[in-house]
Amino acid sequence: MIVYEYPFNERIRTLLRLEDLYEKFKFFVQQDHPMQHHVALATIFDMLEVAGRADLKSDLLQELERQRQTLLGYRMNPNVQADMLDAILDELDGVSTALVNAQGKTGQNVRDNEWLMSIRGRTIIPGGACEFDLPSYYAWQKRPADLRYNDIMNWFAPLAPLFDALGLVLRLLRDSGSAVKMIAVSGSYQQMLQGKVYQMLRLTLDEEMGAIPEVSANKYMLWVRFTSQDGDLKPKPLEDDVPFELTLCNF
């Protein structure tokens, strides 16, 4: 099965982009080759670009507190498992505390490092990080893999609380919805949303079908049109019925 996600607002779009960058970073930083560590470092620079909004940290803190207050309201509900509720509340408290304690602007430690900023400036240029452009960076890439790994993780460390927070927020958002089986007749599906506000859509379908969803939505209507790819990978309308699972997520 393959899952597609569609954000309904800019805030969730930003969180999903950062999550995608974080997954890429975790993969490449665990590798040993200098080129893979170059990608990991360049990904940190991309993170700074996406996370540059000054209110991202405060938005996450507000959302974590709102989730905490909502969950506290379930304490007296006999149908809620107290141990699971306490575990989530403890996680919320820990993530929030770490984010509050993260001093300064997101990624300021990287911005204050002149050497890293020189690398960032050159990576914007195609092929700009060659050995003759950045001999000191080339020398760093020749260091042992474990030393490069330690350096990269030290540069990333101040960003970790932000990614722990957004990871928890997205996890709670994904868990807020329930999957419903649907069928897109002749490759098309429409649903009236009746003005109800959602944060994100999740669409799950069989990967072997080769169906690709194109989603359009506003507060009144959701429209999904499935396409497939021909020999040159250009999308073309899919006329077959497509079974899928739809999850509408909202806090």
C-alpha atoms as a PDB file:
ATOM      1  CA  MET A   1       0.000   0.000   0.000  1.00  0.00           C
ATOM      2  CA  ILE A   2       1.118   3.553  -0.677  1.00  0.00           C
ATOM      3  CA  VAL A   3       0.010   6.616   1.287  1.00  0.00           C
ATOM      4  CA  TYR A   4      -0.390  10.097  -0.168  1.00  0.00           C
ATOM      5  CA  GLU A   5      -0.875  13.117   2.087  1.00  0.00           C
ATOM      6  CA  TYR A   6      -2.365  16.474   1.147  1.00  0.00           C
ATOM      7  CA  PRO A   7      -2.094  19.472   3.508  1.00  0.00           C
ATOM      8  CA  PHE A   8      -5.051  21.850   3.683  1.00  0.00           C
ATOM      9  CA  ASN A   9      -3.110  24.894   4.923  1.00  0.00           C
ATOM     10  CA  GLU A  10       0.332  26.447   4.790  1.00  0.00           C
ATOM     11  CA  ARG A  11       1.223  25.527   8.377  1.00  0.00           C
ATOM     12  CA  ILE A  12       0.797  21.776   7.794  1.00  0.00           C
ATOM     13  CA  ARG A  13       2.494  22.123   4.408  1.00  0.00           C
ATOM     14  CA  THR A  14       5.559  23.557   6.154  1.00  0.00           C
ATOM     15  CA  LEU A  15       5.608  20.766   8.742  1.00  0.00           C
ATOM     16  CA  LEU A  16       5.379  18.082   6.070  1.00  0.00           C
ATOM     17  CA  ARG A  17       8.213  19.651   4.108  1.00  0.00           C
ATOM     18  CA  LEU A  18      10.388  19.745   7.202  1.00  0.00           C
ATOM     19  CA  GLU A  19       9.496  16.144   8.021  1.00  0.00           C
ATOM     20  CA  ASP A  20      10.516  15.120   4.506  1.00  0.00           C
ATOM     21  CA  LEU A  21      13.855  16.909   4.890  1.00  0.00           C
ATOM     22  CA  TYR A  22      14.393  15.276   8.284  1.00  0.00           C
ATOM     23  CA  GLU A  23      13.847  11.799   6.826  1.00  0.00           C
ATOM     24  CA  LYS A  24      16.361  12.570   4.088  1.00  0.00           C
ATOM     25  CA  PHE A  25      18.839  13.917   6.651  1.00  0.00           C
ATOM     26  CA  LYS A  26      18.566  10.823   8.878  1.00  0.00           C
ATOM     27  CA  PHE A  27      19.263   8.554   5.922  1.00  0.00           C
ATOM     28  CA  PHE A  28      22.288  10.355   4.513  1.00  0.00           C
ATOM     29  CA  VAL A  29      23.959  11.216   7.820  1.00  0.00           C
ATOM     30  CA  GLN A  30      24.098   7.514   8.700  1.00  0.00           C
ATOM     31  CA  GLN A  31      26.127   6.744   5.565  1.00  0.00           C
ATOM     32  CA  ASP A  32      29.913   6.855   5.347  1.00  0.00           C
ATOM     33  CA  HIS A  33      30.765   8.361   1.977  1.00  0.00           C
ATOM     34  CA  PRO A  34      31.769  12.068   1.860  1.00  0.00           C
ATOM     35  CA  MET A  35      29.204  12.721  -0.895  1.00  0.00           C
ATOM     36  CA  GLN A  36      26.442  11.345   1.318  1.00  0.00           C
ATOM     37  CA  HIS A  37      27.564  13.525   4.208  1.00  0.00           C
ATOM     38  CA  HIS A  38      27.579  16.474   1.800  1.00  0.00           C
ATOM     39  CA  VAL A  39      23.890  15.790   1.106  1.00  0.00           C
ATOM     40  CA  ALA A  40      23.207  15.565   4.862  1.00  0.00           C
ATOM     41  CA  LEU A  41      24.855  18.944   5.440  1.00  0.00           C
ATOM     42  CA  ALA A  42      23.087  20.523   2.461  1.00  0.00           C
ATOM     43  CA  THR A  43      19.822  19.196   3.882  1.00  0.00           C
ATOM     44  CA  ILE A  44      20.456  21.104   7.114  1.00  0.00           C
ATOM     45  CA  PHE A  45      20.764  24.247   5.000  1.00  0.00           C
ATOM     46  CA  ASP A  46      17.428  23.403   3.345  1.00  0.00           C
ATOM     47  CA  MET A  47      15.886  22.936   6.801  1.00  0.00           C
ATOM     48  CA  LEU A  48      16.955  26.439   7.770  1.00  0.00           C
ATOM     49  CA  GLU A  49      15.293  27.846   4.658  1.00  0.00           C
ATOM     50  CA  VAL A  50      11.980  26.121   5.375  1.00  0.00           C
ATOM     51  CA  ALA A  51      12.062  26.701   9.149  1.00  0.00           C
ATOM     52  CA  GLY A  52      12.994  30.358   8.770  1.00  0.00           C
ATOM     53  CA  ARG A  53       9.547  31.570   9.798  1.00  0.00           C
ATOM     54  CA  ALA A  54       9.931  33.264  13.180  1.00  0.00           C
ATOM     55  CA  ASP A  55       6.559  31.990  14.432  1.00  0.00           C
ATOM     56  CA  LEU A  56       7.116  28.289  13.706  1.00  0.00           C
ATOM     57  CA  LYS A  57       8.463  27.562  17.181  1.00  0.00           C
ATOM     58  CA  SER A  58       5.642  29.454  18.890  1.00  0.00           C
ATOM     59  CA  ASP A  59       3.062  27.767  16.634  1.00  0.00           C
ATOM     60  CA  LEU A  60       4.345  24.353  17.684  1.00  0.00           C
ATOM     61  CA  LEU A  61       4.362  25.289  21.367  1.00  0.00           C
ATOM     62  CA  GLN A  62       0.789  26.547  21.143  1.00  0.00           C
ATOM     63  CA  GLU A  63      -0.338  23.400  19.351  1.00  0.00           C
ATOM     64  CA  LEU A  64       1.394  21.146  21.882  1.00  0.00           C
ATOM     65  CA  GLU A  65      -0.283  22.998  24.756  1.00  0.00           C
ATOM     66  CA  ARG A  66      -3.655  22.804  23.021  1.00  0.00           C
ATOM     67  CA  GLN A  67      -3.235  19.055  22.577  1.00  0.00           C
ATOM     68  CA  ARG A  68      -2.213  18.738  26.209  1.00  0.00           C
ATOM     69  CA  GLN A  69      -5.349  20.534  27.417  1.00  0.00           C
ATOM     70  CA  THR A  70      -7.539  18.442  25.128  1.00  0.00           C
ATOM     71  CA  LEU A  71      -6.034  15.190  26.399  1.00  0.00           C
ATOM     72  CA  LEU A  72      -6.356  16.287  30.020  1.00  0.00           C
ATOM     73  CA  GLY A  73     -10.097  16.460  29.393  1.00  0.00           C
ATOM     74  CA  TYR A  74     -10.136  12.695  28.821  1.00  0.00           C
ATOM     75  CA  ARG A  75      -8.783  11.830  32.287  1.00  0.00           C
ATOM     76  CA  MET A  76     -12.244  11.208  33.730  1.00  0.00           C
ATOM     77  CA  ASN A  77     -13.420   9.177  30.730  1.00  0.00           C
ATOM     78  CA  PRO A  78     -13.668   5.494  31.785  1.00  0.00           C
ATOM     79  CA  ASN A  79     -13.214   4.354  28.185  1.00  0.00           C
ATOM     80  CA  VAL A  80      -9.716   5.852  27.961  1.00  0.00           C
ATOM     81  CA  GLN A  81      -6.699   3.790  29.000  1.00  0.00           C
ATOM     82  CA  ALA A  82      -5.057   5.860  31.719  1.00  0.00           C
ATOM     83  CA  ASP A  83      -1.546   4.500  31.163  1.00  0.00           C
ATOM     84  CA  MET A  84      -1.578   5.333  27.448  1.00  0.00           C
ATOM     85  CA  LEU A  85      -2.975   8.792  28.165  1.00  0.00           C
ATOM     86  CA  ASP A  86      -0.289   9.462  30.777  1.00  0.00           C
ATOM     87  CA  ALA A  87       2.424   8.318  28.375  1.00  0.00           C
ATOM     88  CA  ILE A  88       1.268  10.751  25.685  1.00  0.00           C
ATOM     89  CA  LEU A  89       0.987  13.589  28.225  1.00  0.00           C
ATOM     90  CA  ASP A  90       4.509  12.875  29.478  1.00  0.00           C
ATOM     91  CA  GLU A  91       5.774  12.932  25.888  1.00  0.00           C
ATOM     92  CA  LEU A  92       4.008  16.236  25.263  1.00  0.00           C
ATOM     93  CA  ASP A  93       5.544  17.742  28.398  1.00  0.00           C
ATOM     94  CA  GLY A  94       9.040  16.522  27.517  1.00  0.00           C
ATOM     95  CA  VAL A  95       8.916  17.757  23.920  1.00  0.00           C
ATOM     96  CA  SER A  96       7.466  21.119  24.958  1.00  0.00           C
ATOM     97  CA  THR A  97      10.103  21.643  27.655  1.00  0.00           C
ATOM     98  CA  ALA A  98      12.929  20.846  25.242  1.00  0.00           C
ATOM     99  CA  LEU A  99      11.513  23.250  22.649  1.00  0.00           C
ATOM    100  CA  VAL A 100      11.124  26.035  25.222  1.00  0.00           C
ATOM    101  CA  ASN A 101      14.726  25.507  26.346  1.00  0.00           C
ATOM    102  CA  ALA A 102      16.011  25.780  22.769  1.00  0.00           C
ATOM    103  CA  GLN A 103      17.392  29.293  22.932  1.00  0.00           C
ATOM    104  CA  GLY A 104      17.550  31.758  20.069  1.00  0.00           C
ATOM    105  CA  LYS A 105      16.336  31.613  16.508  1.00  0.00           C
ATOM    106  CA  THR A 106      16.060  28.203  14.894  1.00  0.00           C
ATOM    107  CA  GLY A 107      19.438  27.204  13.464  1.00  0.00           C
ATOM    108  CA  GLN A 108      21.226  30.296  14.740  1.00  0.00           C
ATOM    109  CA  ASN A 109      24.271  28.184  15.626  1.00  0.00           C
ATOM    110  CA  VAL A 110      24.666  27.323  11.943  1.00  0.00           C
ATOM    111  CA  ARG A 111      24.123  30.908  10.844  1.00  0.00           C
ATOM    112  CA  ASP A 112      26.799  32.087  13.298  1.00  0.00           C
ATOM    113  CA  ASN A 113      29.355  29.646  11.883  1.00  0.00           C
ATOM    114  CA  GLU A 114      31.188  31.550   9.141  1.00  0.00           C
ATOM    115  CA  TRP A 115      32.719  28.378   7.735  1.00  0.00           C
ATOM    116  CA  LEU A 116      29.327  26.692   7.351  1.00  0.00           C
ATOM    117  CA  MET A 117      27.860  29.839   5.835  1.00  0.00           C
ATOM    118  CA  SER A 118      30.650  29.909   3.256  1.00  0.00           C
ATOM    119  CA  ILE A 119      29.708  26.350   2.294  1.00  0.00           C
ATOM    120  CA  ARG A 120      26.028  27.232   2.198  1.00  0.00           C
ATOM    121  CA  GLY A 121      26.755  30.164  -0.099  1.00  0.00           C
ATOM    122  CA  ARG A 122      28.663  27.969  -2.526  1.00  0.00           C
ATOM    123  CA  THR A 123      26.151  25.097  -2.555  1.00  0.00           C
ATOM    124  CA  ILE A 124      23.575  27.473  -4.046  1.00  0.00           C
ATOM    125  CA  ILE A 125      25.763  27.585  -7.153  1.00  0.00           C
ATOM    126  CA  PRO A 126      25.613  24.405  -9.278  1.00  0.00           C
ATOM    127  CA  GLY A 127      28.938  22.677  -8.739  1.00  0.00           C
ATOM    128  CA  GLY A 128      30.003  25.491  -6.446  1.00  0.00           C
ATOM    129  CA  ALA A 129      31.376  23.270  -3.671  1.00  0.00           C
ATOM    130  CA  CYS A 130      34.260  21.858  -5.708  1.00  0.00           C
ATOM    131  CA  GLU A 131      37.653  21.372  -4.076  1.00  0.00           C
ATOM    132  CA  PHE A 132      39.132  24.459  -5.783  1.00  0.00           C
ATOM    133  CA  ASP A 133      36.214  26.604  -4.509  1.00  0.00           C
ATOM    134  CA  LEU A 134      36.286  25.296  -0.926  1.00  0.00           C
ATOM    135  CA  PRO A 135      39.623  23.595  -0.177  1.00  0.00           C
ATOM    136  CA  SER A 136      38.930  23.590   3.584  1.00  0.00           C
ATOM    137  CA  TYR A 137      35.601  21.843   2.996  1.00  0.00           C
ATOM    138  CA  TYR A 138      37.327  19.348   0.705  1.00  0.00           C
ATOM    139  CA  ALA A 139      39.839  18.654   3.479  1.00  0.00           C
ATOM    140  CA  TRP A 140      36.988  18.154   5.974  1.00  0.00           C
ATOM    141  CA  GLN A 141      35.369  15.642   3.606  1.00  0.00           C
ATOM    142  CA  LYS A 142      38.591  13.614   3.688  1.00  0.00           C
ATOM    143  CA  ARG A 143      38.376  13.195   7.458  1.00  0.00           C
ATOM    144  CA  PRO A 144      37.219   9.815   8.859  1.00  0.00           C
ATOM    145  CA  ALA A 145      33.491   9.163   8.526  1.00  0.00           C
ATOM    146  CA  ASP A 146      32.881   9.008  12.282  1.00  0.00           C
ATOM    147  CA  LEU A 147      34.438  12.455  12.791  1.00  0.00           C
ATOM    148  CA  ARG A 148      32.340  13.948   9.992  1.00  0.00           C
ATOM    149  CA  TYR A 149      29.247  12.303  11.496  1.00  0.00           C
ATOM    150  CA  ASN A 150      29.974  13.818  14.927  1.00  0.00           C
ATOM    151  CA  ASP A 151      30.435  17.267  13.403  1.00  0.00           C
ATOM    152  CA  ILE A 152      27.175  17.097  11.464  1.00  0.00           C
ATOM    153  CA  MET A 153      25.205  15.850  14.467  1.00  0.00           C
ATOM    154  CA  ASN A 154      26.653  18.633  16.633  1.00  0.00           C
ATOM    155  CA  TRP A 155      25.526  21.203  14.065  1.00  0.00           C
ATOM    156  CA  PHE A 156      22.088  19.604  13.901  1.00  0.00           C
ATOM    157  CA  ALA A 157      21.638  19.173  17.684  1.00  0.00           C
ATOM    158  CA  PRO A 158      20.024  22.607  18.357  1.00  0.00           C
ATOM    159  CA  LEU A 159      17.440  21.788  15.669  1.00  0.00           C
ATOM    160  CA  ALA A 160      16.479  18.447  17.232  1.00  0.00           C
ATOM    161  CA  PRO A 161      13.806  19.812  19.649  1.00  0.00           C
ATOM    162  CA  LEU A 162      12.005  21.469  16.737  1.00  0.00           C
ATOM    163  CA  PHE A 163      11.864  18.200  14.803  1.00  0.00           C
ATOM    164  CA  ASP A 164      10.775  16.235  17.868  1.00  0.00           C
ATOM    165  CA  ALA A 165       7.920  18.714  18.300  1.00  0.00           C
ATOM    166  CA  LEU A 166       6.749  18.713  14.702  1.00  0.00           C
ATOM    167  CA  GLY A 167       7.026  14.924  14.585  1.00  0.00           C
ATOM    168  CA  LEU A 168       4.721  14.613  17.586  1.00  0.00           C
ATOM    169  CA  VAL A 169       2.240  17.159  16.206  1.00  0.00           C
ATOM    170  CA  LEU A 170       2.047  15.341  12.873  1.00  0.00           C
ATOM    171  CA  ARG A 171       1.681  11.978  14.605  1.00  0.00           C
ATOM    172  CA  LEU A 172      -1.248  13.234  16.672  1.00  0.00           C
ATOM    173  CA  LEU A 173      -2.787  14.778  13.559  1.00  0.00           C
ATOM    174  CA  ARG A 174      -2.513  11.532  11.597  1.00  0.00           C
ATOM    175  CA  ASP A 175      -4.034   9.589  14.497  1.00  0.00           C
ATOM    176  CA  SER A 176      -6.997  11.983  14.673  1.00  0.00           C
ATOM    177  CA  GLY A 177      -8.725  10.577  11.600  1.00  0.00           C
ATOM    178  CA  SER A 178     -10.322   7.240  10.735  1.00  0.00           C
ATOM    179  CA  ALA A 179      -9.823   5.568   7.357  1.00  0.00           C
ATOM    180  CA  VAL A 180     -12.973   5.062   5.267  1.00  0.00           C
ATOM    181  CA  LYS A 181     -13.085   2.809   2.197  1.00  0.00           C
ATOM    182  CA  MET A 182     -14.061   4.662  -0.970  1.00  0.00           C
ATOM    183  CA  ILE A 183     -14.243   4.030  -4.718  1.00  0.00           C
ATOM    184  CA  ALA A 184     -13.348   6.595  -7.344  1.00  0.00           C
ATOM    185  CA  VAL A 185     -15.768   5.783 -10.169  1.00  0.00           C
ATOM    186  CA  SER A 186     -14.000   6.071 -13.525  1.00  0.00           C
ATOM    187  CA  GLY A 187     -11.017   7.487 -11.682  1.00  0.00           C
ATOM    188  CA  SER A 188     -12.852  10.433 -10.096  1.00  0.00           C
ATOM    189  CA  TYR A 189     -14.134  11.058  -6.573  1.00  0.00           C
ATOM    190  CA  GLN A 190     -15.937  14.050  -5.043  1.00  0.00           C
ATOM    191  CA  GLN A 191     -17.093  14.714  -1.500  1.00  0.00           C
ATOM    192  CA  MET A 192     -18.863  17.710  -0.024  1.00  0.00           C
ATOM    193  CA  LEU A 193     -17.119  18.929   3.132  1.00  0.00           C
ATOM    194  CA  GLN A 194     -19.996  21.209   4.200  1.00  0.00           C
ATOM    195  CA  GLY A 195     -17.696  23.894   5.503  1.00  0.00           C
ATOM    196  CA  LYS A 196     -15.910  21.660   7.998  1.00  0.00           C
ATOM    197  CA  VAL A 197     -12.244  22.559   8.341  1.00  0.00           C
ATOM    198  CA  TYR A 198      -9.639  19.821   8.030  1.00  0.00           C
ATOM    199  CA  GLN A 199      -5.887  20.019   8.426  1.00  0.00           C
ATOM    200  CA  MET A 200      -4.772  17.155   6.212  1.00  0.00           C
ATOM    201  CA  LEU A 201      -6.002  14.379   3.944  1.00  0.00           C
ATOM    202  CA  ARG A 202      -4.458  10.913   3.807  1.00  0.00           C
ATOM    203  CA  LEU A 203      -5.168   8.643   0.877  1.00  0.00           C
ATOM    204  CA  THR A 204      -4.124   4.987   0.849  1.00  0.00           C
ATOM    205  CA  LEU A 205      -4.275   2.710  -2.180  1.00  0.00           C
ATOM    206  CA  ASP A 206      -2.724  -0.401  -3.635  1.00  0.00           C
ATOM    207  CA  GLU A 207       0.634   0.496  -5.143  1.00  0.00           C
ATOM    208  CA  GLU A 208       0.258  -2.166  -7.848  1.00  0.00           C
ATOM    209  CA  MET A 209      -2.683  -0.285  -9.383  1.00  0.00           C
ATOM    210  CA  GLY A 210      -0.322   2.417 -10.614  1.00  0.00           C
ATOM    211  CA  ALA A 211      -2.916   5.087  -9.752  1.00  0.00           C
ATOM    212  CA  ILE A 212      -1.704   8.562  -8.812  1.00  0.00           C
ATOM    213  CA  PRO A 213      -4.104  10.933  -7.003  1.00  0.00           C
ATOM    214  CA  GLU A 214      -4.388  14.599  -7.879  1.00  0.00           C
ATOM    215  CA  VAL A 215      -6.167  16.373  -5.031  1.00  0.00           C
ATOM    216  CA  SER A 216      -8.032  19.645  -5.028  1.00  0.00           C
ATOM    217  CA  ALA A 217      -9.891  20.824  -1.947  1.00  0.00           C
ATOM    218  CA  ASN A 218     -11.409  23.771  -0.148  1.00  0.00           C
ATOM    219  CA  LYS A 219     -13.709  24.027   2.850  1.00  0.00           C
ATOM    220  CA  TYR A 220     -16.722  23.112   0.713  1.00  0.00           C
ATOM    221  CA  MET A 221     -15.608  20.279  -1.535  1.00  0.00           C
ATOM    222  CA  LEU A 222     -12.932  17.646  -1.979  1.00  0.00           C
ATOM    223  CA  TRP A 223     -12.064  16.391  -5.448  1.00  0.00           C
ATOM    224  CA  VAL A 224      -9.681  13.553  -6.263  1.00  0.00           C
ATOM    225  CA  ARG A 225      -8.794  12.652  -9.828  1.00  0.00           C
ATOM    226  CA  PHE A 226      -6.613   9.613 -10.465  1.00  0.00           C
ATOM    227  CA  THR A 227      -4.058   9.479 -13.250  1.00  0.00           C
ATOM    228  CA  SER A 228      -1.549   6.927 -14.473  1.00  0.00           C
ATOM    229  CA  GLN A 229       1.801   7.277 -16.219  1.00  0.00           C
ATOM    230  CA  ASP A 230       2.506   6.241 -19.785  1.00  0.00           C
ATOM    231  CA  GLY A 231       5.854   5.339 -21.323  1.00  0.00           C
ATOM    232  CA  ASP A 232       7.373   8.803 -20.928  1.00  0.00           C
ATOM    233  CA  LEU A 233       5.888   9.126 -17.380  1.00  0.00           C
ATOM    234  CA  LYS A 234       3.492  11.850 -18.491  1.00  0.00           C
ATOM    235  CA  PRO A 235       0.273  11.643 -16.412  1.00  0.00           C
ATOM    236  CA  LYS A 236      -2.873  10.625 -18.246  1.00  0.00           C
ATOM    237  CA  PRO A 237      -6.442  10.297 -16.893  1.00  0.00           C
ATOM    238  CA  LEU A 238      -7.300   6.907 -15.414  1.00  0.00           C
ATOM    239  CA  GLU A 239     -10.740   5.710 -16.443  1.00  0.00           C
ATOM    240  CA  ASP A 240     -10.920   2.592 -14.244  1.00  0.00           C
ATOM    241  CA  ASP A 241     -12.659   2.436 -10.864  1.00  0.00           C
ATOM    242  CA  VAL A 242     -10.102   2.944  -8.113  1.00  0.00           C
ATOM    243  CA  PRO A 243     -10.701   1.601  -4.568  1.00  0.00           C
ATOM    244  CA  PHE A 244      -8.882   3.579  -1.873  1.00  0.00           C
ATOM    245  CA  GLU A 245      -9.009   4.552   1.781  1.00  0.00           C
ATOM    246  CA  LEU A 246      -9.626   8.170   2.711  1.00  0.00           C
ATOM    247  CA  THR A 247      -8.685   9.713   6.059  1.00  0.00           C
ATOM    248  CA  LEU A 248      -9.603  13.310   6.881  1.00  0.00           C
ATOM    249  CA  CYS A 249      -7.480  14.562   9.775  1.00  0.00           C
ATOM    250  CA  ASN A 250      -8.236  17.425  12.120  1.00  0.00           C
ATOM    251  CA  PHE A 251      -7.263  18.218  15.708  1.00  0.00           C
END
